[in-house]
Amino acid sequence: MSTPHQEHDAHGTHSHGPDCGHTAVPHGDHTDYAHDGHLHREHSGHWDECEPAGHSAHRGHEHVHHEECGHPRVTHGDHVDYLHDGHRHAEHGDHWDDH
């Protein structure tokens, strides 16, 4: 699934990193940081919104996420994603999406 390039203009001078206090989210070949309900990634000296384009159902996902399932929760827009096996899962109808 592709991720469009969308620079986060209002990010300011904050630099994300291992000690910045925001949840680090492995995402493909880079790390996103959960910040104010969205995900940021460093790109060519600035920070981008790192949001997937389109819908990608995670097929064969038997596990049901919830507050006590043991996977880290990340607020993402109007819902909660769960970090699981190096990606984010979001509940969508009767299945889980792979972000």
PDB file of N, CA and C in Angstrom:
ATOM      1  N   MET A   1       0.846  -1.171   0.000  1.00  0.00           N
ATOM      2  CA  MET A   1       0.000   0.000   0.000  1.00  0.00           C
ATOM      3  C   MET A   1       0.889   1.230   0.000  1.00  0.00           C
ATOM      4  N   SER A   2       0.605   2.179  -0.836  1.00  0.00           N
ATOM      5  CA  SER A   2       1.429   3.373  -0.922  1.00  0.00           C
ATOM      6  C   SER A   2       1.036   4.399   0.131  1.00  0.00           C
ATOM      7  N   THR A   3       1.966   5.253   0.452  1.00  0.00           N
ATOM      8  CA  THR A   3       1.739   6.337   1.391  1.00  0.00           C
ATOM      9  C   THR A   3       2.031   7.637   0.660  1.00  0.00           C
ATOM     10  N   PRO A   4       1.020   8.481   0.453  1.00  0.00           N
ATOM     11  CA  PRO A   4       1.264   9.725  -0.272  1.00  0.00           C
ATOM     12  C   PRO A   4       2.173  10.660   0.517  1.00  0.00           C
ATOM     13  N   HIS A   5       2.901  11.524  -0.191  1.00  0.00           N
ATOM     14  CA  HIS A   5       3.770  12.504   0.454  1.00  0.00           C
ATOM     15  C   HIS A   5       2.921  13.700   0.855  1.00  0.00           C
ATOM     16  N   GLN A   6       2.804  13.916   2.156  1.00  0.00           N
ATOM     17  CA  GLN A   6       2.014  15.017   2.678  1.00  0.00           C
ATOM     18  C   GLN A   6       2.803  15.662   3.812  1.00  0.00           C
ATOM     19  N   GLU A   7       3.475  16.763   3.507  1.00  0.00           N
ATOM     20  CA  GLU A   7       4.295  17.431   4.516  1.00  0.00           C
ATOM     21  C   GLU A   7       3.422  17.976   5.630  1.00  0.00           C
ATOM     22  N   HIS A   8       3.892  17.811   6.873  1.00  0.00           N
ATOM     23  CA  HIS A   8       3.180  18.321   8.044  1.00  0.00           C
ATOM     24  C   HIS A   8       3.700  19.728   8.329  1.00  0.00           C
ATOM     25  N   ASP A   9       3.059  20.719   7.737  1.00  0.00           N
ATOM     26  CA  ASP A   9       3.516  22.113   7.816  1.00  0.00           C
ATOM     27  C   ASP A   9       3.549  22.672   9.234  1.00  0.00           C
ATOM     28  N   ALA A  10       2.631  22.262  10.072  1.00  0.00           N
ATOM     29  CA  ALA A  10       2.518  22.858  11.408  1.00  0.00           C
ATOM     30  C   ALA A  10       3.312  22.101  12.461  1.00  0.00           C
ATOM     31  N   HIS A  11       4.249  21.283  12.054  1.00  0.00           N
ATOM     32  CA  HIS A  11       4.969  20.451  13.010  1.00  0.00           C
ATOM     33  C   HIS A  11       5.868  21.266  13.927  1.00  0.00           C
ATOM     34  N   GLY A  12       6.386  22.372  13.474  1.00  0.00           N
ATOM     35  CA  GLY A  12       7.247  23.203  14.314  1.00  0.00           C
ATOM     36  C   GLY A  12       8.647  22.649  14.415  1.00  0.00           C
ATOM     37  N   THR A  13       9.316  22.931  15.526  1.00  0.00           N
ATOM     38  CA  THR A  13      10.721  22.575  15.672  1.00  0.00           C
ATOM     39  C   THR A  13      10.940  21.259  16.418  1.00  0.00           C
ATOM     40  N   HIS A  14       9.877  20.620  16.875  1.00  0.00           N
ATOM     41  CA  HIS A  14      10.018  19.363  17.610  1.00  0.00           C
ATOM     42  C   HIS A  14      10.617  18.289  16.707  1.00  0.00           C
ATOM     43  N   SER A  15      11.631  17.608  17.197  1.00  0.00           N
ATOM     44  CA  SER A  15      12.217  16.484  16.467  1.00  0.00           C
ATOM     45  C   SER A  15      11.889  15.201  17.188  1.00  0.00           C
ATOM     46  N   HIS A  16      11.312  14.258  16.476  1.00  0.00           N
ATOM     47  CA  HIS A  16      10.997  12.967  17.058  1.00  0.00           C
ATOM     48  C   HIS A  16      12.252  12.107  17.115  1.00  0.00           C
ATOM     49  N   GLY A  17      12.269  11.205  18.064  1.00  0.00           N
ATOM     50  CA  GLY A  17      13.378  10.288  18.232  1.00  0.00           C
ATOM     51  C   GLY A  17      13.097   9.374  19.406  1.00  0.00           C
ATOM     52  N   PRO A  18      14.023   8.513  19.746  1.00  0.00           N
ATOM     53  CA  PRO A  18      13.797   7.518  20.803  1.00  0.00           C
ATOM     54  C   PRO A  18      13.411   8.109  22.157  1.00  0.00           C
ATOM     55  N   ASP A  19      13.797   9.346  22.446  1.00  0.00           N
ATOM     56  CA  ASP A  19      13.519   9.936  23.755  1.00  0.00           C
ATOM     57  C   ASP A  19      12.546  11.107  23.700  1.00  0.00           C
ATOM     58  N   CYS A  20      11.756  11.239  22.621  1.00  0.00           N
ATOM     59  CA  CYS A  20      10.885  12.414  22.477  1.00  0.00           C
ATOM     60  C   CYS A  20       9.585  12.293  23.262  1.00  0.00           C
ATOM     61  N   GLY A  21       9.247  11.084  23.744  1.00  0.00           N
ATOM     62  CA  GLY A  21       8.028  10.913  24.516  1.00  0.00           C
ATOM     63  C   GLY A  21       6.822  10.458  23.709  1.00  0.00           C
ATOM     64  N   HIS A  22       6.947  10.374  22.383  1.00  0.00           N
ATOM     65  CA  HIS A  22       5.850   9.901  21.547  1.00  0.00           C
ATOM     66  C   HIS A  22       6.083   8.438  21.186  1.00  0.00           C
ATOM     67  N   THR A  23       5.002   7.707  20.980  1.00  0.00           N
ATOM     68  CA  THR A  23       5.104   6.287  20.657  1.00  0.00           C
ATOM     69  C   THR A  23       5.746   6.094  19.293  1.00  0.00           C
ATOM     70  N   ALA A  24       6.803   5.292  19.240  1.00  0.00           N
ATOM     71  CA  ALA A  24       7.461   4.951  17.978  1.00  0.00           C
ATOM     72  C   ALA A  24       6.729   3.759  17.370  1.00  0.00           C
ATOM     73  N   VAL A  25       6.430   3.862  16.069  1.00  0.00           N
ATOM     74  CA  VAL A  25       5.676   2.833  15.373  1.00  0.00           C
ATOM     75  C   VAL A  25       6.485   2.355  14.170  1.00  0.00           C
ATOM     76  N   PRO A  26       7.015   1.125  14.191  1.00  0.00           N
ATOM     77  CA  PRO A  26       7.712   0.624  13.003  1.00  0.00           C
ATOM     78  C   PRO A  26       6.750   0.590  11.823  1.00  0.00           C
ATOM     79  N   HIS A  27       7.208   1.054  10.665  1.00  0.00           N
ATOM     80  CA  HIS A  27       6.346   1.109   9.480  1.00  0.00           C
ATOM     81  C   HIS A  27       7.200   0.904   8.237  1.00  0.00           C
ATOM     82  N   GLY A  28       7.247  -0.319   7.759  1.00  0.00           N
ATOM     83  CA  GLY A  28       8.045  -0.624   6.569  1.00  0.00           C
ATOM     84  C   GLY A  28       9.511  -0.347   6.811  1.00  0.00           C
ATOM     85  N   ASP A  29      10.088   0.571   6.028  1.00  0.00           N
ATOM     86  CA  ASP A  29      11.519   0.868   6.114  1.00  0.00           C
ATOM     87  C   ASP A  29      11.839   2.073   6.979  1.00  0.00           C
ATOM     88  N   HIS A  30      10.871   2.556   7.767  1.00  0.00           N
ATOM     89  CA  HIS A  30      11.099   3.739   8.599  1.00  0.00           C
ATOM     90  C   HIS A  30      10.314   3.612   9.906  1.00  0.00           C
ATOM     91  N   THR A  31      10.423   4.611  10.752  1.00  0.00           N
ATOM     92  CA  THR A  31       9.684   4.667  12.006  1.00  0.00           C
ATOM     93  C   THR A  31       8.780   5.879  11.985  1.00  0.00           C
ATOM     94  N   ASP A  32       7.516   5.672  12.317  1.00  0.00           N
ATOM     95  CA  ASP A  32       6.568   6.775  12.501  1.00  0.00           C
ATOM     96  C   ASP A  32       6.514   7.101  13.982  1.00  0.00           C
ATOM     97  N   TYR A  33       6.069   8.311  14.293  1.00  0.00           N
ATOM     98  CA  TYR A  33       5.848   8.715  15.681  1.00  0.00           C
ATOM     99  C   TYR A  33       4.423   9.205  15.814  1.00  0.00           C
ATOM    100  N   ALA A  34       3.681   8.619  16.786  1.00  0.00           N
ATOM    101  CA  ALA A  34       2.302   9.018  17.040  1.00  0.00           C
ATOM    102  C   ALA A  34       2.312  10.334  17.803  1.00  0.00           C
ATOM    103  N   HIS A  35       1.646  11.340  17.247  1.00  0.00           N
ATOM    104  CA  HIS A  35       1.682  12.687  17.802  1.00  0.00           C
ATOM    105  C   HIS A  35       0.376  13.392  17.464  1.00  0.00           C
ATOM    106  N   ASP A  36      -0.383  13.761  18.483  1.00  0.00           N
ATOM    107  CA  ASP A  36      -1.635  14.500  18.306  1.00  0.00           C
ATOM    108  C   ASP A  36      -2.623  13.768  17.395  1.00  0.00           C
ATOM    109  N   GLY A  37      -2.718  12.451  17.508  1.00  0.00           N
ATOM    110  CA  GLY A  37      -3.700  11.684  16.760  1.00  0.00           C
ATOM    111  C   GLY A  37      -3.328  11.351  15.335  1.00  0.00           C
ATOM    112  N   HIS A  38      -2.096  11.654  14.937  1.00  0.00           N
ATOM    113  CA  HIS A  38      -1.645  11.254  13.602  1.00  0.00           C
ATOM    114  C   HIS A  38      -0.211  10.780  13.687  1.00  0.00           C
ATOM    115  N   LEU A  39       0.301  10.289  12.573  1.00  0.00           N
ATOM    116  CA  LEU A  39       1.636   9.703  12.550  1.00  0.00           C
ATOM    117  C   LEU A  39       2.566  10.536  11.693  1.00  0.00           C
ATOM    118  N   HIS A  40       3.757  10.775  12.208  1.00  0.00           N
ATOM    119  CA  HIS A  40       4.769  11.568  11.516  1.00  0.00           C
ATOM    120  C   HIS A  40       5.957  10.691  11.162  1.00  0.00           C
ATOM    121  N   ARG A  41       6.574  10.981  10.028  1.00  0.00           N
ATOM    122  CA  ARG A  41       7.828  10.330   9.649  1.00  0.00           C
ATOM    123  C   ARG A  41       8.766  11.399   9.113  1.00  0.00           C
ATOM    124  N   GLU A  42      10.047  11.217   9.377  1.00  0.00           N
ATOM    125  CA  GLU A  42      11.037  12.152   8.854  1.00  0.00           C
ATOM    126  C   GLU A  42      11.257  11.868   7.374  1.00  0.00           C
ATOM    127  N   HIS A  43      11.349  12.945   6.586  1.00  0.00           N
ATOM    128  CA  HIS A  43      11.522  12.795   5.140  1.00  0.00           C
ATOM    129  C   HIS A  43      12.245  14.016   4.602  1.00  0.00           C
ATOM    130  N   SER A  44      13.467  13.845   4.159  1.00  0.00           N
ATOM    131  CA  SER A  44      14.249  14.913   3.512  1.00  0.00           C
ATOM    132  C   SER A  44      14.299  16.199   4.320  1.00  0.00           C
ATOM    133  N   GLY A  45      14.520  16.078   5.627  1.00  0.00           N
ATOM    134  CA  GLY A  45      14.699  17.248   6.476  1.00  0.00           C
ATOM    135  C   GLY A  45      13.427  17.875   7.001  1.00  0.00           C
ATOM    136  N   HIS A  46      12.273  17.256   6.759  1.00  0.00           N
ATOM    137  CA  HIS A  46      11.016  17.745   7.324  1.00  0.00           C
ATOM    138  C   HIS A  46      10.195  16.544   7.785  1.00  0.00           C
ATOM    139  N   TRP A  47       9.036  16.803   8.359  1.00  0.00           N
ATOM    140  CA  TRP A  47       8.175  15.729   8.861  1.00  0.00           C
ATOM    141  C   TRP A  47       6.944  15.630   7.980  1.00  0.00           C
ATOM    142  N   ASP A  48       6.605  14.393   7.610  1.00  0.00           N
ATOM    143  CA  ASP A  48       5.420  14.119   6.802  1.00  0.00           C
ATOM    144  C   ASP A  48       4.363  13.444   7.649  1.00  0.00           C
ATOM    145  N   GLU A  49       3.104  13.649   7.253  1.00  0.00           N
ATOM    146  CA  GLU A  49       2.020  12.820   7.758  1.00  0.00           C
ATOM    147  C   GLU A  49       2.234  11.466   7.099  1.00  0.00           C
ATOM    148  N   CYS A  50       2.183  10.403   7.841  1.00  0.00           N
ATOM    149  CA  CYS A  50       2.387   9.082   7.262  1.00  0.00           C
ATOM    150  C   CYS A  50       1.080   8.313   7.364  1.00  0.00           C
ATOM    151  N   GLU A  51       0.258   8.485   6.372  1.00  0.00           N
ATOM    152  CA  GLU A  51      -1.043   7.852   6.338  1.00  0.00           C
ATOM    153  C   GLU A  51      -1.165   6.998   5.091  1.00  0.00           C
ATOM    154  N   PRO A  52      -1.681   5.792   5.230  1.00  0.00           N
ATOM    155  CA  PRO A  52      -1.829   4.930   4.066  1.00  0.00           C
ATOM    156  C   PRO A  52      -2.887   5.468   3.113  1.00  0.00           C
ATOM    157  N   ALA A  53      -2.716   5.183   1.847  1.00  0.00           N
ATOM    158  CA  ALA A  53      -3.714   5.527   0.847  1.00  0.00           C
ATOM    159  C   ALA A  53      -4.581   4.304   0.610  1.00  0.00           C
ATOM    160  N   GLY A  54      -5.869   4.475   0.651  1.00  0.00           N
ATOM    161  CA  GLY A  54      -6.756   3.368   0.364  1.00  0.00           C
ATOM    162  C   GLY A  54      -7.045   2.488   1.565  1.00  0.00           C
ATOM    163  N   HIS A  55      -7.633   1.354   1.293  1.00  0.00           N
ATOM    164  CA  HIS A  55      -8.090   0.426   2.321  1.00  0.00           C
ATOM    165  C   HIS A  55      -7.384  -0.910   2.125  1.00  0.00           C
ATOM    166  N   SER A  56      -6.801  -1.436   3.189  1.00  0.00           N
ATOM    167  CA  SER A  56      -6.113  -2.710   3.096  1.00  0.00           C
ATOM    168  C   SER A  56      -6.525  -3.588   4.272  1.00  0.00           C
ATOM    169  N   ALA A  57      -7.428  -4.531   4.015  1.00  0.00           N
ATOM    170  CA  ALA A  57      -7.862  -5.453   5.066  1.00  0.00           C
ATOM    171  C   ALA A  57      -6.737  -6.418   5.398  1.00  0.00           C
ATOM    172  N   HIS A  58      -6.541  -6.681   6.682  1.00  0.00           N
ATOM    173  CA  HIS A  58      -5.539  -7.646   7.126  1.00  0.00           C
ATOM    174  C   HIS A  58      -6.218  -9.010   7.170  1.00  0.00           C
ATOM    175  N   ARG A  59      -6.035  -9.770   6.132  1.00  0.00           N
ATOM    176  CA  ARG A  59      -6.681 -11.085   5.998  1.00  0.00           C
ATOM    177  C   ARG A  59      -6.058 -12.093   6.965  1.00  0.00           C
ATOM    178  N   GLY A  60      -6.900 -12.966   7.483  1.00  0.00           N
ATOM    179  CA  GLY A  60      -6.424 -14.027   8.354  1.00  0.00           C
ATOM    180  C   GLY A  60      -6.036 -13.557   9.744  1.00  0.00           C
ATOM    181  N   HIS A  61      -6.499 -12.400  10.158  1.00  0.00           N
ATOM    182  CA  HIS A  61      -6.175 -11.878  11.482  1.00  0.00           C
ATOM    183  C   HIS A  61      -7.220 -12.379  12.472  1.00  0.00           C
ATOM    184  N   GLU A  62      -6.880 -13.432  13.196  1.00  0.00           N
ATOM    185  CA  GLU A  62      -7.821 -14.075  14.113  1.00  0.00           C
ATOM    186  C   GLU A  62      -7.917 -13.353  15.455  1.00  0.00           C
ATOM    187  N   HIS A  63      -6.851 -12.694  15.858  1.00  0.00           N
ATOM    188  CA  HIS A  63      -6.789 -12.034  17.166  1.00  0.00           C
ATOM    189  C   HIS A  63      -7.726 -10.826  17.214  1.00  0.00           C
ATOM    190  N   VAL A  64      -8.429 -10.668  18.321  1.00  0.00           N
ATOM    191  CA  VAL A  64      -9.295  -9.505  18.510  1.00  0.00           C
ATOM    192  C   VAL A  64      -8.596  -8.556  19.471  1.00  0.00           C
ATOM    193  N   HIS A  65      -8.332  -7.344  19.013  1.00  0.00           N
ATOM    194  CA  HIS A  65      -7.686  -6.351  19.867  1.00  0.00           C
ATOM    195  C   HIS A  65      -8.710  -5.670  20.775  1.00  0.00           C
ATOM    196  N   HIS A  66      -8.240  -5.292  21.946  1.00  0.00           N
ATOM    197  CA  HIS A  66      -9.055  -4.554  22.913  1.00  0.00           C
ATOM    198  C   HIS A  66      -8.089  -3.948  23.931  1.00  0.00           C
ATOM    199  N   GLU A  67      -8.609  -3.188  24.873  1.00  0.00           N
ATOM    200  CA  GLU A  67      -7.760  -2.448  25.811  1.00  0.00           C
ATOM    201  C   GLU A  67      -6.783  -3.323  26.584  1.00  0.00           C
ATOM    202  N   GLU A  68      -7.116  -4.569  26.838  1.00  0.00           N
ATOM    203  CA  GLU A  68      -6.252  -5.443  27.627  1.00  0.00           C
ATOM    204  C   GLU A  68      -5.642  -6.590  26.824  1.00  0.00           C
ATOM    205  N   CYS A  69      -5.518  -6.454  25.502  1.00  0.00           N
ATOM    206  CA  CYS A  69      -4.995  -7.552  24.680  1.00  0.00           C
ATOM    207  C   CYS A  69      -3.469  -7.654  24.730  1.00  0.00           C
ATOM    208  N   GLY A  70      -2.817  -6.633  25.278  1.00  0.00           N
ATOM    209  CA  GLY A  70      -1.366  -6.682  25.402  1.00  0.00           C
ATOM    210  C   GLY A  70      -0.607  -5.961  24.306  1.00  0.00           C
ATOM    211  N   HIS A  71      -1.287  -5.503  23.268  1.00  0.00           N
ATOM    212  CA  HIS A  71      -0.621  -4.758  22.201  1.00  0.00           C
ATOM    213  C   HIS A  71      -0.734  -3.260  22.468  1.00  0.00           C
ATOM    214  N   PRO A  72       0.334  -2.507  22.203  1.00  0.00           N
ATOM    215  CA  PRO A  72       0.282  -1.055  22.434  1.00  0.00           C
ATOM    216  C   PRO A  72      -0.815  -0.399  21.604  1.00  0.00           C
ATOM    217  N   ARG A  73      -1.487   0.550  22.234  1.00  0.00           N
ATOM    218  CA  ARG A  73      -2.560   1.311  21.587  1.00  0.00           C
ATOM    219  C   ARG A  73      -2.023   2.658  21.136  1.00  0.00           C
ATOM    220  N   VAL A  74      -2.439   3.096  19.950  1.00  0.00           N
ATOM    221  CA  VAL A  74      -2.034   4.392  19.425  1.00  0.00           C
ATOM    222  C   VAL A  74      -3.281   5.118  18.944  1.00  0.00           C
ATOM    223  N   THR A  75      -3.552   6.292  19.522  1.00  0.00           N
ATOM    224  CA  THR A  75      -4.669   7.098  19.046  1.00  0.00           C
ATOM    225  C   THR A  75      -4.355   7.574  17.643  1.00  0.00           C
ATOM    226  N   HIS A  76      -5.298   7.368  16.733  1.00  0.00           N
ATOM    227  CA  HIS A  76      -5.088   7.697  15.327  1.00  0.00           C
ATOM    228  C   HIS A  76      -6.383   8.286  14.782  1.00  0.00           C
ATOM    229  N   GLY A  77      -6.422   9.599  14.667  1.00  0.00           N
ATOM    230  CA  GLY A  77      -7.638  10.261  14.203  1.00  0.00           C
ATOM    231  C   GLY A  77      -8.785   9.986  15.144  1.00  0.00           C
ATOM    232  N   ASP A  78      -9.871   9.408  14.621  1.00  0.00           N
ATOM    233  CA  ASP A  78     -11.077   9.167  15.415  1.00  0.00           C
ATOM    234  C   ASP A  78     -11.173   7.742  15.955  1.00  0.00           C
ATOM    235  N   HIS A  79     -10.063   6.988  15.931  1.00  0.00           N
ATOM    236  CA  HIS A  79     -10.091   5.612  16.401  1.00  0.00           C
ATOM    237  C   HIS A  79      -8.756   5.257  17.058  1.00  0.00           C
ATOM    238  N   VAL A  80      -8.635   4.009  17.472  1.00  0.00           N
ATOM    239  CA  VAL A  80      -7.409   3.515  18.095  1.00  0.00           C
ATOM    240  C   VAL A  80      -6.834   2.418  17.214  1.00  0.00           C
ATOM    241  N   ASP A  81      -5.547   2.521  16.939  1.00  0.00           N
ATOM    242  CA  ASP A  81      -4.826   1.446  16.250  1.00  0.00           C
ATOM    243  C   ASP A  81      -4.084   0.634  17.304  1.00  0.00           C
ATOM    244  N   TYR A  82      -3.828  -0.612  16.971  1.00  0.00           N
ATOM    245  CA  TYR A  82      -3.047  -1.496  17.831  1.00  0.00           C
ATOM    246  C   TYR A  82      -1.785  -1.901  17.090  1.00  0.00           C
ATOM    247  N   LEU A  83      -0.633  -1.763  17.744  1.00  0.00           N
ATOM    248  CA  LEU A  83       0.636  -2.167  17.152  1.00  0.00           C
ATOM    249  C   LEU A  83       0.791  -3.670  17.308  1.00  0.00           C
ATOM    250  N   HIS A  84       0.988  -4.359  16.188  1.00  0.00           N
ATOM    251  CA  HIS A  84       1.031  -5.813  16.217  1.00  0.00           C
ATOM    252  C   HIS A  84       1.883  -6.305  15.061  1.00  0.00           C
ATOM    253  N   ASP A  85       2.929  -7.053  15.359  1.00  0.00           N
ATOM    254  CA  ASP A  85       3.804  -7.643  14.345  1.00  0.00           C
ATOM    255  C   ASP A  85       4.374  -6.611  13.376  1.00  0.00           C
ATOM    256  N   GLY A  86       4.756  -5.443  13.887  1.00  0.00           N
ATOM    257  CA  GLY A  86       5.414  -4.437  13.059  1.00  0.00           C
ATOM    258  C   GLY A  86       4.497  -3.581  12.220  1.00  0.00           C
ATOM    259  N   HIS A  87       3.201  -3.646  12.466  1.00  0.00           N
ATOM    260  CA  HIS A  87       2.289  -2.754  11.762  1.00  0.00           C
ATOM    261  C   HIS A  87       1.104  -2.416  12.668  1.00  0.00           C
ATOM    262  N   ARG A  88       0.249  -1.574  12.177  1.00  0.00           N
ATOM    263  CA  ARG A  88      -0.900  -1.129  12.956  1.00  0.00           C
ATOM    264  C   ARG A  88      -2.162  -1.810  12.446  1.00  0.00           C
ATOM    265  N   HIS A  89      -3.006  -2.203  13.382  1.00  0.00           N
ATOM    266  CA  HIS A  89      -4.303  -2.765  13.039  1.00  0.00           C
ATOM    267  C   HIS A  89      -5.383  -1.810  13.531  1.00  0.00           C
ATOM    268  N   ALA A  90      -6.382  -1.590  12.684  1.00  0.00           N
ATOM    269  CA  ALA A  90      -7.521  -0.754  13.050  1.00  0.00           C
ATOM    270  C   ALA A  90      -8.795  -1.538  12.770  1.00  0.00           C
ATOM    271  N   GLU A  91      -9.721  -1.535  13.718  1.00  0.00           N
ATOM    272  CA  GLU A  91     -10.981  -2.227  13.516  1.00  0.00           C
ATOM    273  C   GLU A  91     -11.780  -1.518  12.435  1.00  0.00           C
ATOM    274  N   HIS A  92     -12.335  -2.311  11.521  1.00  0.00           N
ATOM    275  CA  HIS A  92     -13.118  -1.752  10.426  1.00  0.00           C
ATOM    276  C   HIS A  92     -14.236  -2.732  10.089  1.00  0.00           C
ATOM    277  N   GLY A  93     -15.435  -2.450  10.591  1.00  0.00           N
ATOM    278  CA  GLY A  93     -16.548  -3.367  10.366  1.00  0.00           C
ATOM    279  C   GLY A  93     -16.281  -4.704  11.014  1.00  0.00           C
ATOM    280  N   ASP A  94     -16.315  -5.780  10.218  1.00  0.00           N
ATOM    281  CA  ASP A  94     -16.136  -7.127  10.753  1.00  0.00           C
ATOM    282  C   ASP A  94     -14.716  -7.661  10.563  1.00  0.00           C
ATOM    283  N   HIS A  95     -13.753  -6.771  10.290  1.00  0.00           N
ATOM    284  CA  HIS A  95     -12.374  -7.203  10.080  1.00  0.00           C
ATOM    285  C   HIS A  95     -11.411  -6.133  10.619  1.00  0.00           C
ATOM    286  N   TRP A  96     -10.115  -6.413  10.498  1.00  0.00           N
ATOM    287  CA  TRP A  96      -9.072  -5.478  10.921  1.00  0.00           C
ATOM    288  C   TRP A  96      -8.327  -4.985   9.695  1.00  0.00           C
ATOM    289  N   ASP A  97      -8.095  -3.683   9.626  1.00  0.00           N
ATOM    290  CA  ASP A  97      -7.309  -3.119   8.534  1.00  0.00           C
ATOM    291  C   ASP A  97      -5.842  -3.105   8.914  1.00  0.00           C
ATOM    292  N   ASP A  98      -4.995  -3.247   7.933  1.00  0.00           N
ATOM    293  CA  ASP A  98      -3.557  -3.167   8.105  1.00  0.00           C
ATOM    294  C   ASP A  98      -3.130  -1.784   7.660  1.00  0.00           C
ATOM    295  N   HIS A  99      -2.652  -0.987   8.615  1.00  0.00           N
ATOM    296  CA  HIS A  99      -2.198   0.366   8.267  1.00  0.00           C
ATOM    297  C   HIS A  99      -0.727   0.287   7.958  1.00  0.00           C
TER     298      HIS A  99
END
